[in-house]
Amino acid sequence: RYPQLSKNTLTTSGPDISGIKRDLETLRIDEVNESMTELIATFFERALKSPIATTEGLKILIFDEKNDASEFYSAILAGAGFAVEPAQDVGALEQCFQNGAPDLILMSALMEHINVFETCKQLKSSQETARVPILMVSDMYDSENIKKSFAFGVSDYIVKPFSDSELVAAIVSLIRE
């Protein structure tokens, strides 16, 4: 429904969106939501097909004390071509680094037996682990937790629900930085 952006529609101030705005004014809200969902999905699909976005050989460490959550994320990320290594406690996390530093740590924001903020602080204070980006994943939006996570060295924070492609795109984006 929306025109594809091309070099012809770009100006020095960004893309010409007047046609999109005009279309949005005439659409019902449910059509807007459906169209925006399609637009976002197309963006992520194209980003993941980019040669820069290759996942081959990239290692993701999944740090979550719940086995079912680790398995869920492992299936998504392995399906996207990442090498995945789960860790359910701090000892396992340290062991994973002995096998070579991962390209990114996917960490649960809410763990019952592990202080995630202290773990982030320790990871960011070690010369061996400081450069590894941390993507925090949470079941709920809590602005104080998000602020605190960034203060302790988290690179990005993503709140469920999110699609598989959004998770993969967030990981690829952090690794590219």
C-alpha atoms as a PDB file:
ATOM      1  CA  ARG A   1       0.000   0.000   0.000  1.00  0.00           C
ATOM      2  CA  TYR A   2       2.858   2.399   0.754  1.00  0.00           C
ATOM      3  CA  PRO A   3       5.440   3.478  -1.799  1.00  0.00           C
ATOM      4  CA  GLN A   4       8.866   1.952  -1.440  1.00  0.00           C
ATOM      5  CA  LEU A   5      11.523   4.436  -0.384  1.00  0.00           C
ATOM      6  CA  SER A   6      14.228   4.849  -2.969  1.00  0.00           C
ATOM      7  CA  LYS A   7      17.072   7.243  -3.598  1.00  0.00           C
ATOM      8  CA  ASN A   8      14.603   9.344  -5.604  1.00  0.00           C
ATOM      9  CA  THR A   9      12.368   9.910  -2.563  1.00  0.00           C
ATOM     10  CA  LEU A  10      15.189  10.897  -0.225  1.00  0.00           C
ATOM     11  CA  THR A  11      15.917  14.526   0.443  1.00  0.00           C
ATOM     12  CA  THR A  12      18.478  16.201   2.644  1.00  0.00           C
ATOM     13  CA  SER A  13      15.947  16.223   5.463  1.00  0.00           C
ATOM     14  CA  GLY A  14      14.975  12.546   5.051  1.00  0.00           C
ATOM     15  CA  PRO A  15      12.363  10.614   3.090  1.00  0.00           C
ATOM     16  CA  ASP A  16       9.316  12.344   1.623  1.00  0.00           C
ATOM     17  CA  ILE A  17       6.503  10.958   3.759  1.00  0.00           C
ATOM     18  CA  SER A  18       3.715  13.306   2.693  1.00  0.00           C
ATOM     19  CA  GLY A  19       2.043  10.542   0.652  1.00  0.00           C
ATOM     20  CA  ILE A  20       2.220   8.143   3.596  1.00  0.00           C
ATOM     21  CA  LYS A  21       0.719  10.764   5.927  1.00  0.00           C
ATOM     22  CA  ARG A  22      -2.092  11.406   3.446  1.00  0.00           C
ATOM     23  CA  ASP A  23      -2.780   7.669   3.194  1.00  0.00           C
ATOM     24  CA  LEU A  24      -2.767   7.289   6.977  1.00  0.00           C
ATOM     25  CA  GLU A  25      -5.392  10.003   7.320  1.00  0.00           C
ATOM     26  CA  THR A  26      -7.783   8.062   5.074  1.00  0.00           C
ATOM     27  CA  LEU A  27      -7.201   4.596   6.622  1.00  0.00           C
ATOM     28  CA  ARG A  28      -9.142   3.136   9.508  1.00  0.00           C
ATOM     29  CA  ILE A  29      -7.028   2.372  12.590  1.00  0.00           C
ATOM     30  CA  ASP A  30      -7.080  -1.428  12.062  1.00  0.00           C
ATOM     31  CA  GLU A  31      -5.774  -0.960   8.528  1.00  0.00           C
ATOM     32  CA  VAL A  32      -2.984   1.273   9.854  1.00  0.00           C
ATOM     33  CA  ASN A  33      -1.947  -1.355  12.396  1.00  0.00           C
ATOM     34  CA  GLU A  34      -1.925  -4.089   9.736  1.00  0.00           C
ATOM     35  CA  SER A  35      -0.001  -1.911   7.281  1.00  0.00           C
ATOM     36  CA  MET A  36       2.568  -0.867   9.899  1.00  0.00           C
ATOM     37  CA  THR A  37       3.060  -4.489  10.932  1.00  0.00           C
ATOM     38  CA  GLU A  38       3.728  -5.423   7.306  1.00  0.00           C
ATOM     39  CA  LEU A  39       6.114  -2.484   6.908  1.00  0.00           C
ATOM     40  CA  ILE A  40       8.074  -3.424  10.050  1.00  0.00           C
ATOM     41  CA  ALA A  41       8.219  -7.111   9.045  1.00  0.00           C
ATOM     42  CA  THR A  42       9.538  -6.144   5.593  1.00  0.00           C
ATOM     43  CA  PHE A  43      12.210  -3.936   7.172  1.00  0.00           C
ATOM     44  CA  PHE A  44      13.464  -6.743   9.439  1.00  0.00           C
ATOM     45  CA  GLU A  45      13.417  -9.301   6.616  1.00  0.00           C
ATOM     46  CA  ARG A  46      15.532  -7.020   4.418  1.00  0.00           C
ATOM     47  CA  ALA A  47      17.916  -6.174   7.274  1.00  0.00           C
ATOM     48  CA  LEU A  48      18.493  -9.852   7.988  1.00  0.00           C
ATOM     49  CA  LYS A  49      19.207 -10.617   4.320  1.00  0.00           C
ATOM     50  CA  SER A  50      21.921  -7.962   4.218  1.00  0.00           C
ATOM     51  CA  PRO A  51      25.433  -9.380   3.763  1.00  0.00           C
ATOM     52  CA  ILE A  52      26.443  -7.484   6.907  1.00  0.00           C
ATOM     53  CA  ALA A  53      23.763  -9.336   8.847  1.00  0.00           C
ATOM     54  CA  THR A  54      25.213 -12.811   8.420  1.00  0.00           C
ATOM     55  CA  THR A  55      24.956 -14.850  11.595  1.00  0.00           C
ATOM     56  CA  GLU A  56      27.239 -17.688  10.563  1.00  0.00           C
ATOM     57  CA  GLY A  57      29.919 -18.310  13.150  1.00  0.00           C
ATOM     58  CA  LEU A  58      28.531 -15.809  15.672  1.00  0.00           C
ATOM     59  CA  LYS A  59      28.252 -17.197  19.199  1.00  0.00           C
ATOM     60  CA  ILE A  60      25.407 -16.153  21.494  1.00  0.00           C
ATOM     61  CA  LEU A  61      25.537 -16.987  25.180  1.00  0.00           C
ATOM     62  CA  ILE A  62      22.019 -17.344  26.630  1.00  0.00           C
ATOM     63  CA  PHE A  63      22.043 -16.628  30.365  1.00  0.00           C
ATOM     64  CA  ASP A  64      18.765 -17.625  32.013  1.00  0.00           C
ATOM     65  CA  GLU A  65      18.236 -19.845  35.029  1.00  0.00           C
ATOM     66  CA  LYS A  66      15.084 -21.325  33.466  1.00  0.00           C
ATOM     67  CA  ASN A  67      15.829 -24.214  31.121  1.00  0.00           C
ATOM     68  CA  ASP A  68      12.617 -23.771  29.100  1.00  0.00           C
ATOM     69  CA  ALA A  69      13.477 -20.127  28.351  1.00  0.00           C
ATOM     70  CA  SER A  70      17.019 -21.097  27.314  1.00  0.00           C
ATOM     71  CA  GLU A  71      15.657 -23.789  25.022  1.00  0.00           C
ATOM     72  CA  PHE A  72      13.131 -21.362  23.513  1.00  0.00           C
ATOM     73  CA  TYR A  73      15.794 -18.746  22.698  1.00  0.00           C
ATOM     74  CA  SER A  74      18.256 -21.428  21.570  1.00  0.00           C
ATOM     75  CA  ALA A  75      15.765 -22.747  19.012  1.00  0.00           C
ATOM     76  CA  ILE A  76      15.130 -19.271  17.590  1.00  0.00           C
ATOM     77  CA  LEU A  77      18.796 -18.299  17.412  1.00  0.00           C
ATOM     78  CA  ALA A  78      20.079 -21.645  16.135  1.00  0.00           C
ATOM     79  CA  GLY A  79      17.390 -21.466  13.455  1.00  0.00           C
ATOM     80  CA  ALA A  80      18.786 -18.066  12.458  1.00  0.00           C
ATOM     81  CA  GLY A  81      22.282 -19.530  12.100  1.00  0.00           C
ATOM     82  CA  PHE A  82      23.878 -18.519  15.403  1.00  0.00           C
ATOM     83  CA  ALA A  83      26.008 -20.846  17.485  1.00  0.00           C
ATOM     84  CA  VAL A  84      24.259 -20.948  20.870  1.00  0.00           C
ATOM     85  CA  GLU A  85      25.606 -21.740  24.314  1.00  0.00           C
ATOM     86  CA  PRO A  86      23.246 -21.748  27.319  1.00  0.00           C
ATOM     87  CA  ALA A  87      24.247 -20.962  30.900  1.00  0.00           C
ATOM     88  CA  GLN A  88      21.862 -21.287  33.844  1.00  0.00           C
ATOM     89  CA  ASP A  89      24.087 -20.076  36.681  1.00  0.00           C
ATOM     90  CA  VAL A  90      27.150 -17.910  37.214  1.00  0.00           C
ATOM     91  CA  GLY A  91      29.489 -20.921  37.237  1.00  0.00           C
ATOM     92  CA  ALA A  92      28.188 -22.041  33.838  1.00  0.00           C
ATOM     93  CA  LEU A  93      28.474 -18.461  32.584  1.00  0.00           C
ATOM     94  CA  GLU A  94      32.151 -18.355  33.564  1.00  0.00           C
ATOM     95  CA  GLN A  95      32.706 -21.772  31.963  1.00  0.00           C
ATOM     96  CA  CYS A  96      31.272 -20.502  28.673  1.00  0.00           C
ATOM     97  CA  PHE A  97      33.941 -17.795  28.562  1.00  0.00           C
ATOM     98  CA  GLN A  98      36.648 -20.420  28.927  1.00  0.00           C
ATOM     99  CA  ASN A  99      35.468 -21.765  25.559  1.00  0.00           C
ATOM    100  CA  GLY A 100      36.073 -18.332  23.985  1.00  0.00           C
ATOM    101  CA  ALA A 101      34.170 -15.101  24.421  1.00  0.00           C
ATOM    102  CA  PRO A 102      30.713 -14.981  22.846  1.00  0.00           C
ATOM    103  CA  ASP A 103      29.728 -12.257  20.395  1.00  0.00           C
ATOM    104  CA  LEU A 104      26.754 -11.337  22.605  1.00  0.00           C
ATOM    105  CA  ILE A 105      25.080 -12.321  25.868  1.00  0.00           C
ATOM    106  CA  LEU A 106      21.298 -12.671  25.858  1.00  0.00           C
ATOM    107  CA  MET A 107      20.329 -12.327  29.519  1.00  0.00           C
ATOM    108  CA  SER A 108      17.029 -12.624  31.336  1.00  0.00           C
ATOM    109  CA  ALA A 109      16.191  -9.501  33.325  1.00  0.00           C
ATOM    110  CA  LEU A 110      14.342 -11.444  36.001  1.00  0.00           C
ATOM    111  CA  MET A 111      16.129 -14.325  37.672  1.00  0.00           C
ATOM    112  CA  GLU A 112      15.109 -15.607  41.055  1.00  0.00           C
ATOM    113  CA  HIS A 113      18.496 -16.796  42.313  1.00  0.00           C
ATOM    114  CA  ILE A 114      20.847 -14.484  40.415  1.00  0.00           C
ATOM    115  CA  ASN A 115      21.383 -10.751  40.850  1.00  0.00           C
ATOM    116  CA  VAL A 116      21.443  -9.723  37.179  1.00  0.00           C
ATOM    117  CA  PHE A 117      22.706  -6.219  37.950  1.00  0.00           C
ATOM    118  CA  GLU A 118      25.678  -7.509  39.916  1.00  0.00           C
ATOM    119  CA  THR A 119      26.380 -10.027  37.143  1.00  0.00           C
ATOM    120  CA  CYS A 120      26.339  -7.239  34.522  1.00  0.00           C
ATOM    121  CA  LYS A 121      28.629  -5.117  36.682  1.00  0.00           C
ATOM    122  CA  GLN A 122      31.117  -7.984  36.999  1.00  0.00           C
ATOM    123  CA  LEU A 123      30.983  -8.714  33.269  1.00  0.00           C
ATOM    124  CA  LYS A 124      31.623  -5.078  32.383  1.00  0.00           C
ATOM    125  CA  SER A 125      34.452  -4.703  34.914  1.00  0.00           C
ATOM    126  CA  SER A 126      36.475  -7.635  33.555  1.00  0.00           C
ATOM    127  CA  GLN A 127      38.879  -6.929  30.709  1.00  0.00           C
ATOM    128  CA  GLU A 128      38.017 -10.316  29.157  1.00  0.00           C
ATOM    129  CA  THR A 129      34.240  -9.719  29.088  1.00  0.00           C
ATOM    130  CA  ALA A 130      33.789  -5.940  29.037  1.00  0.00           C
ATOM    131  CA  ARG A 131      33.432  -5.638  25.255  1.00  0.00           C
ATOM    132  CA  VAL A 132      30.725  -8.303  24.920  1.00  0.00           C
ATOM    133  CA  PRO A 133      27.329  -6.626  24.379  1.00  0.00           C
ATOM    134  CA  ILE A 134      24.491  -7.672  26.675  1.00  0.00           C
ATOM    135  CA  LEU A 135      20.902  -7.814  25.440  1.00  0.00           C
ATOM    136  CA  MET A 136      18.519  -7.951  28.383  1.00  0.00           C
ATOM    137  CA  VAL A 137      15.161  -9.680  27.838  1.00  0.00           C
ATOM    138  CA  SER A 138      12.172  -9.134  30.101  1.00  0.00           C
ATOM    139  CA  ASP A 139       8.591 -10.344  30.421  1.00  0.00           C
ATOM    140  CA  MET A 140       7.410  -6.954  31.609  1.00  0.00           C
ATOM    141  CA  TYR A 141       8.037  -3.287  31.016  1.00  0.00           C
ATOM    142  CA  ASP A 142       9.536  -1.632  34.103  1.00  0.00           C
ATOM    143  CA  SER A 143      11.195   1.723  33.425  1.00  0.00           C
ATOM    144  CA  GLU A 144      13.206   1.627  36.655  1.00  0.00           C
ATOM    145  CA  ASN A 145      14.589  -1.818  35.811  1.00  0.00           C
ATOM    146  CA  ILE A 146      15.440  -0.629  32.309  1.00  0.00           C
ATOM    147  CA  LYS A 147      17.296   2.456  33.606  1.00  0.00           C
ATOM    148  CA  LYS A 148      19.142   0.364  36.172  1.00  0.00           C
ATOM    149  CA  SER A 149      20.089  -2.206  33.512  1.00  0.00           C
ATOM    150  CA  PHE A 150      21.669   0.450  31.310  1.00  0.00           C
ATOM    151  CA  ALA A 151      23.488   1.905  34.323  1.00  0.00           C
ATOM    152  CA  PHE A 152      25.043  -1.521  34.951  1.00  0.00           C
ATOM    153  CA  GLY A 153      26.289  -1.912  31.377  1.00  0.00           C
ATOM    154  CA  VAL A 154      23.444  -3.517  29.434  1.00  0.00           C
ATOM    155  CA  SER A 155      23.728  -2.650  25.729  1.00  0.00           C
ATOM    156  CA  ASP A 156      20.024  -2.960  24.898  1.00  0.00           C
ATOM    157  CA  TYR A 157      16.778  -4.066  26.516  1.00  0.00           C
ATOM    158  CA  ILE A 158      13.882  -5.821  24.787  1.00  0.00           C
ATOM    159  CA  VAL A 159      10.450  -6.513  26.308  1.00  0.00           C
ATOM    160  CA  LYS A 160       8.179  -9.406  25.367  1.00  0.00           C
ATOM    161  CA  PRO A 161       6.192  -9.912  23.289  1.00  0.00           C
ATOM    162  CA  PHE A 162       8.512  -9.648  20.316  1.00  0.00           C
ATOM    163  CA  SER A 163       8.836 -11.672  17.142  1.00  0.00           C
ATOM    164  CA  ASP A 164      11.710 -13.981  16.324  1.00  0.00           C
ATOM    165  CA  SER A 165      12.859 -11.579  13.604  1.00  0.00           C
ATOM    166  CA  GLU A 166      12.851  -8.625  16.046  1.00  0.00           C
ATOM    167  CA  LEU A 167      15.045 -10.577  18.466  1.00  0.00           C
ATOM    168  CA  VAL A 168      17.468 -11.594  15.722  1.00  0.00           C
ATOM    169  CA  ALA A 169      17.561  -8.044  14.321  1.00  0.00           C
ATOM    170  CA  ALA A 170      18.335  -6.605  17.775  1.00  0.00           C
ATOM    171  CA  ILE A 171      21.179  -9.103  18.219  1.00  0.00           C
ATOM    172  CA  VAL A 172      22.634  -8.437  14.765  1.00  0.00           C
ATOM    173  CA  SER A 173      22.426  -4.683  15.361  1.00  0.00           C
ATOM    174  CA  LEU A 174      24.318  -4.929  18.671  1.00  0.00           C
ATOM    175  CA  ILE A 175      26.996  -7.175  17.220  1.00  0.00           C
ATOM    176  CA  ARG A 176      27.541  -4.797  14.286  1.00  0.00           C
ATOM    177  CA  GLU A 177      28.222  -1.908  16.681  1.00  0.00           C
END
